C-alpha cells in the first residue's frame, strides 16, 4: 500500500527559504502584478505558513519584509497589497477544474509614521481550502527573489525551483501560449518570439542564472518558421558556480546587468547534454507533479 502524500503545510520552513505550494507557483492571471507584488505573494505566504495556516485566521508581517532593498517608503508596499487584493489568480485544481481567487483578503496596515510597522492580513477562504490539500511544493529562497529586478525573473525562477530538484526530470516543454501565461506576460504584448526573447526571456534567464542555485536554458521549438513551443532545461550548479551566485546575491544591484552579461546561458544557447544533466542532478527530489 502506497504511503499517503506529505502535505505542504506539514513541512517546516527553514530560515529564509519558503516552502511554497505549487498551486501558488503555477498561477496565471498575474500579468498585471508588478515585481514587488509578485515577490509579496511569496513573502506573505511564507509568514502565514510559519504562523499556521487556517481558515479565518489573520497573519502578521513586518512592513520592512515587503520593501525592496534600498526603499524606505510605504508606497510600493501599499501598491503591492492593493494589487493583490484586485487581482484574480487562476489556480489549477487536481480534478482539472480551475478556481479564481483573490490572493489577499482584508488587511490592516500600520501608519507610515510608526517605527516598526506591521501588516495584518488574511487569505480568501477558497484559497485556504486549496492550500490545505496541497502536496506539491517548491523551495523558494527569499533573498533570491528580493534580489531580482524583473518580474519575469521571479516567475521563471519559482516555476523552475519547483522542479529543479527532481532526480528524474531535467526539462519541461511548454506551448508558447502556456509559457507566456506562466511568466505573466500581458496579452498582446511582445507578440513575436523575437520581441519576447529580447525584452523578457534574455533578461530573466540572465538574472536567474546569475543568482539561483541551478542553471537554466530556454530553447525555442519551431513548426516551420514559427516558434510554437519552448523547452526549459535546468541543471545543478558546481560548487564554484554556487559560490559565484552567492557572491552576486550579496553584491549591490548597481552594475549587476553589466556583471552578468556574457556570463549567463541565454535563450538560444545550446542545452547541456543529457549526460551532463544527469551527472549534475541532485540526489534529493521533491514529490512529482501530478
Protein backbone atom coordinates (compact mmCIF):
# COMPACT_ATOMS: atom_id res chain seq x y z
CA UNK A 1 0.00 0.00 0.00
CA UNK A 2 1.45 3.35 -1.02
CA UNK A 3 2.14 5.97 1.63
CA UNK A 4 -0.10 9.00 1.89
CA UNK A 5 1.47 12.08 0.27
CA UNK A 6 3.05 14.66 2.55
CA UNK A 7 1.03 17.84 2.90
CA UNK A 8 2.86 21.07 2.13
CA UNK A 9 1.55 22.57 5.38
CA UNK A 10 3.16 19.73 7.34
CA UNK A 11 6.62 20.92 6.29
CA UNK A 12 8.52 23.43 8.43
CA UNK A 13 10.02 26.40 6.56
CA UNK A 14 13.68 26.99 7.39
CA UNK A 15 15.18 30.42 7.74
CA UNK A 16 14.78 32.48 4.59
CA UNK A 17 13.52 29.57 2.47
CA UNK A 18 9.79 29.47 1.75
CA UNK A 19 8.06 26.14 1.13
CA UNK A 20 5.59 27.39 -1.45
CA UNK A 21 2.66 25.26 -2.70
CA UNK A 22 2.67 24.50 -6.42
CA UNK A 23 -0.84 25.94 -6.53
CA UNK A 24 0.66 29.38 -5.77
CA UNK A 25 3.57 28.92 -8.17
CA UNK A 26 1.70 27.66 -11.22
CA UNK A 27 -0.80 30.50 -11.26
CA UNK A 28 -1.95 32.54 -14.21
CA UNK A 29 -3.81 35.82 -14.27
CA UNK A 30 -0.90 37.63 -12.61
CA UNK A 31 0.20 39.56 -15.70
CA UNK A 32 -0.74 42.93 -14.20
CA UNK A 33 1.22 42.36 -10.99
CA UNK A 34 4.40 44.35 -10.53
CA UNK A 35 7.75 42.91 -9.49
CA UNK A 36 7.11 43.87 -5.86
CA UNK A 37 3.60 42.40 -5.87
CA UNK A 38 4.86 39.07 -7.25
CA UNK A 39 7.54 38.93 -4.57
CA UNK A 40 4.96 39.83 -1.93
CA UNK A 41 2.91 36.70 -2.72
CA UNK A 42 5.81 34.51 -1.57
CA UNK A 43 6.73 36.65 1.43
CA UNK A 44 3.13 36.77 2.71
CA UNK A 45 2.65 33.04 2.15
CA UNK A 46 5.92 32.26 3.97
CA UNK A 47 4.98 34.23 7.09
CA UNK A 48 1.47 32.74 7.12
CA UNK A 49 2.95 29.24 6.82
CA UNK A 50 5.22 29.86 9.80
CA UNK A 51 2.25 31.14 11.84
CA UNK A 52 -0.04 28.23 10.92
CA UNK A 53 -2.47 28.45 8.01
CA UNK A 54 -6.16 28.13 8.90
CA UNK A 55 -9.47 29.43 7.56
CA UNK A 56 -10.42 32.78 9.03
CA UNK A 57 -7.01 33.33 10.60
CA UNK A 58 -5.14 36.63 10.46
CA UNK A 59 -1.39 36.78 9.98
CA UNK A 60 1.22 39.46 10.55
CA UNK A 61 4.41 40.53 8.82
CA UNK A 62 6.70 43.48 9.39
CA UNK A 63 6.38 46.04 6.60
CA UNK A 64 10.15 46.05 6.11
CA UNK A 65 9.94 42.41 4.94
CA UNK A 66 7.89 43.58 1.94
CA UNK A 67 10.04 46.55 0.98
CA UNK A 68 12.57 46.27 -1.85
CA UNK A 69 16.15 46.81 -0.69
CA UNK A 70 17.05 50.47 -0.55
CA UNK A 71 13.44 51.72 -0.42
CA UNK A 72 12.26 53.45 2.74
CA UNK A 73 8.68 54.45 1.93
CA UNK A 74 5.43 52.53 2.25
CA UNK A 75 4.21 53.46 -1.22
CA UNK A 76 5.46 50.34 -3.01
CA UNK A 77 4.11 48.11 -0.25
CA UNK A 78 0.69 49.75 -0.43
CA UNK A 79 0.64 49.39 -4.21
CA UNK A 80 1.53 45.69 -3.97
CA UNK A 81 -1.12 45.00 -1.33
CA UNK A 82 -3.86 46.75 -3.29
CA UNK A 83 -2.83 44.97 -6.50
CA UNK A 84 -3.02 41.57 -4.76
CA UNK A 85 -6.50 42.41 -3.49
CA UNK A 86 -7.68 43.33 -7.00
CA UNK A 87 -6.02 40.54 -8.97
CA UNK A 88 -7.78 37.23 -9.56
CA UNK A 89 -5.32 34.35 -9.52
CA UNK A 90 -6.32 31.34 -11.62
CA UNK A 91 -5.39 28.15 -9.76
CA UNK A 92 -5.36 24.67 -11.31
CA UNK A 93 -7.25 22.03 -9.28
CA UNK A 94 -6.35 18.29 -9.27
CA UNK A 95 -9.71 17.45 -10.89
CA UNK A 96 -8.85 19.55 -13.93
CA UNK A 97 -11.05 22.49 -12.97
CA UNK A 98 -9.78 26.00 -12.35
CA UNK A 99 -10.57 28.23 -9.41
CA UNK A 100 -10.39 32.01 -9.40
CA UNK A 101 -9.49 33.59 -6.08
CA UNK A 102 -8.21 36.83 -4.68
CA UNK A 103 -4.84 36.08 -3.14
CA UNK A 104 -5.17 38.66 -0.41
CA UNK A 105 -8.25 39.33 1.70
CA UNK A 106 -8.91 42.12 4.18
CA UNK A 107 -5.88 43.64 5.88
CA UNK A 108 -4.71 46.40 8.23
CA UNK A 109 -1.59 48.45 7.54
CA UNK A 110 0.15 50.40 10.29
CA UNK A 111 0.76 54.12 9.87
CA UNK A 112 3.91 55.03 7.92
CA UNK A 113 4.93 57.13 10.95
CA UNK A 114 5.18 54.07 13.18
CA UNK A 115 8.84 52.93 13.54
CA UNK A 116 8.17 49.17 13.25
CA UNK A 117 5.07 48.94 11.10
CA UNK A 118 3.14 45.68 10.74
CA UNK A 119 0.72 44.39 8.11
CA UNK A 120 -2.13 42.23 9.41
CA UNK A 121 -3.67 40.21 6.58
CA UNK A 122 -5.89 37.29 5.63
CA UNK A 123 -6.46 34.92 2.70
CA UNK A 124 -9.55 34.05 0.69
CA UNK A 125 -11.34 31.05 2.29
CA UNK A 126 -11.48 29.19 -1.04
CA UNK A 127 -7.72 29.65 -1.46
CA UNK A 128 -7.09 28.25 2.04
CA UNK A 129 -9.18 25.21 1.11
CA UNK A 130 -6.83 24.53 -1.81
CA UNK A 131 -3.62 25.13 0.12
CA UNK A 132 -4.65 22.82 2.98
CA UNK A 133 -4.73 19.93 0.48
CA UNK A 134 -1.50 20.82 -1.36
CA UNK A 135 1.08 18.02 -1.63
CA UNK A 136 3.46 19.54 -4.19
CA UNK A 137 5.78 22.43 -3.43
CA UNK A 138 8.89 24.32 -4.36
CA UNK A 139 11.58 25.70 -2.08
CA UNK A 140 11.94 29.41 -2.78
CA UNK A 141 14.88 31.41 -1.41
CA UNK A 142 13.50 34.76 -0.27
CA UNK A 143 16.85 36.61 -0.62
CA UNK A 144 16.99 35.50 -4.27
CA UNK A 145 13.53 36.73 -5.25
CA UNK A 146 14.16 40.00 -3.41
CA UNK A 147 17.34 40.45 -5.50
CA UNK A 148 15.61 40.20 -8.87
CA UNK A 149 14.98 43.36 -10.89
CA UNK A 150 12.46 41.77 -13.30
CA UNK A 151 9.00 40.42 -12.50
CA UNK A 152 9.56 37.78 -15.16
CA UNK A 153 12.67 36.58 -13.32
CA UNK A 154 10.52 35.89 -10.25
CA UNK A 155 8.00 33.80 -12.21
CA UNK A 156 10.69 31.89 -14.14
CA UNK A 157 12.78 31.20 -11.02
CA UNK A 158 9.86 29.98 -8.92
CA UNK A 159 8.50 27.66 -11.62
CA UNK A 160 11.90 26.07 -12.22
CA UNK A 161 12.71 25.95 -8.48
CA UNK A 162 9.64 23.77 -8.01
CA UNK A 163 11.10 21.05 -10.26
CA UNK A 164 14.86 21.70 -10.15
CA UNK A 165 15.49 19.02 -7.51
CA UNK A 166 13.64 16.24 -9.29
CA UNK A 167 16.07 13.40 -9.93
CA UNK A 168 14.14 12.02 -12.91
CA UNK A 169 13.37 15.22 -14.79
CA UNK A 170 15.63 17.88 -16.28
CA UNK A 171 13.41 19.74 -18.73
CA UNK A 172 9.83 20.77 -19.48
CA UNK A 173 8.24 21.69 -22.79
CA UNK A 174 5.56 24.41 -22.85
CA UNK A 175 3.38 25.67 -25.63
CA UNK A 176 4.32 29.27 -26.33
CA UNK A 177 0.94 30.47 -25.04
CA UNK A 178 1.29 28.49 -21.78
CA UNK A 179 4.82 29.76 -21.31
CA UNK A 180 3.73 33.38 -21.74
CA UNK A 181 0.91 32.81 -19.23
CA UNK A 182 3.31 31.17 -16.75
CA UNK A 183 5.66 34.14 -16.93
CA UNK A 184 2.75 36.56 -16.64
CA UNK A 185 3.36 38.37 -19.92
CA UNK A 186 0.40 40.72 -20.63
CA UNK A 187 -1.83 39.53 -23.50
CA UNK A 188 -0.91 41.25 -26.75
CA UNK A 189 2.49 42.42 -25.52
CA UNK A 190 5.71 41.22 -27.21
CA UNK A 191 3.73 39.46 -29.91
CA UNK A 192 6.66 37.95 -31.81
CA UNK A 193 9.11 35.50 -30.27
CA UNK A 194 11.94 37.88 -31.15
CA UNK A 195 10.35 40.61 -29.02
CA UNK A 196 9.60 38.17 -26.20
CA UNK A 197 13.16 36.89 -26.34
CA UNK A 198 14.73 40.35 -26.25
CA UNK A 199 12.54 42.03 -23.64
CA UNK A 200 11.52 39.15 -21.38
CA UNK A 201 13.48 35.93 -21.76
CA UNK A 202 17.09 37.04 -22.10
CA UNK A 203 17.00 39.41 -19.10
CA UNK A 204 15.09 36.87 -16.98
CA UNK A 205 17.31 33.90 -17.86
CA UNK A 206 20.42 36.00 -17.22
CA UNK A 207 19.22 37.05 -13.76
CA UNK A 208 18.12 33.57 -12.74
CA UNK A 209 21.41 32.07 -13.91
CA UNK A 210 23.36 34.71 -12.01
CA UNK A 211 21.54 34.24 -8.68
CA UNK A 212 19.85 30.82 -8.48
CA UNK A 213 21.42 27.55 -7.25
CA UNK A 214 20.63 25.99 -10.62
CA UNK A 215 21.37 26.93 -14.22
CA UNK A 216 18.75 27.00 -16.94
CA UNK A 217 18.36 27.45 -20.69
CA UNK A 218 15.29 28.14 -22.81
CA UNK A 219 15.21 26.79 -26.35
CA UNK A 220 12.55 27.64 -28.97
CA UNK A 221 10.79 24.79 -30.77
CA UNK A 222 9.67 25.68 -34.29
CA UNK A 223 6.96 24.45 -36.59
CA UNK A 224 8.19 25.59 -39.97
CA UNK A 225 9.48 29.10 -39.35
CA UNK A 226 7.17 29.81 -36.42
CA UNK A 227 8.10 29.24 -32.77
CA UNK A 228 5.22 27.26 -31.23
CA UNK A 229 6.84 25.80 -28.10
CA UNK A 230 9.75 26.38 -25.76
CA UNK A 231 11.89 23.83 -23.96
CA UNK A 232 13.09 24.83 -20.48
CA UNK A 233 16.02 22.78 -19.18
CA UNK A 234 17.93 23.06 -15.92
CA UNK A 235 20.97 21.59 -14.18
CA UNK A 236 22.67 21.71 -10.80
CA UNK A 237 25.48 24.23 -10.49
CA UNK A 238 29.01 23.29 -9.50
CA UNK A 239 30.39 24.41 -6.12
CA UNK A 240 32.27 27.22 -7.85
CA UNK A 241 29.10 28.37 -9.63
CA UNK A 242 27.13 28.24 -6.38
CA UNK A 243 29.74 30.44 -4.69
CA UNK A 244 29.59 32.87 -7.59
CA UNK A 245 25.78 33.04 -7.33
CA UNK A 246 26.01 33.69 -3.60
CA UNK A 247 28.53 36.49 -4.09
CA UNK A 248 26.35 38.10 -6.74
CA UNK A 249 23.36 37.93 -4.40
CA UNK A 250 25.37 39.77 -1.74
CA UNK A 251 26.66 42.41 -4.15
CA UNK A 252 24.97 45.69 -4.96
CA UNK A 253 22.30 45.65 -7.67
CA UNK A 254 24.08 48.63 -9.19
CA UNK A 255 26.15 47.31 -12.07
CA UNK A 256 24.64 43.80 -11.93
CA UNK A 257 23.43 43.89 -15.52
CA UNK A 258 26.95 44.64 -16.73
CA UNK A 259 28.48 42.00 -14.45
CA UNK A 260 26.24 39.18 -15.59
CA UNK A 261 26.15 39.99 -19.30
CA UNK A 262 28.11 37.39 -21.18
CA UNK A 263 28.24 35.06 -18.15
CA UNK A 264 24.73 33.58 -18.20
CA UNK A 265 23.47 30.94 -20.60
CA UNK A 266 20.76 32.78 -22.51
CA UNK A 267 17.86 31.82 -24.71
CA UNK A 268 19.01 30.20 -27.95
CA UNK A 269 22.16 28.88 -26.27
CA UNK A 270 22.86 25.14 -26.53
CA UNK A 271 21.15 22.99 -23.92
CA UNK A 272 23.60 20.94 -21.82
CA UNK A 273 23.81 17.33 -22.92
CA UNK A 274 21.53 14.78 -21.25
CA UNK A 275 24.61 13.13 -19.76
CA UNK A 276 25.65 16.43 -18.16
CA UNK A 277 22.12 16.98 -16.84
CA UNK A 278 22.02 13.50 -15.30
CA UNK A 279 25.51 13.90 -13.83
CA UNK A 280 24.71 17.23 -12.22
CA UNK A 281 21.21 16.43 -10.93
CA UNK A 282 20.98 16.41 -7.12
CA UNK A 283 20.16 13.19 -5.33
CA UNK A 284 17.27 14.64 -3.37
CA UNK A 285 13.88 15.06 -5.01
CA UNK A 286 10.51 16.63 -4.45
CA UNK A 287 7.23 14.85 -4.93
CA UNK A 288 6.48 14.52 -8.64
CA UNK A 289 3.93 16.84 -10.15
CA UNK A 290 0.62 15.19 -10.94
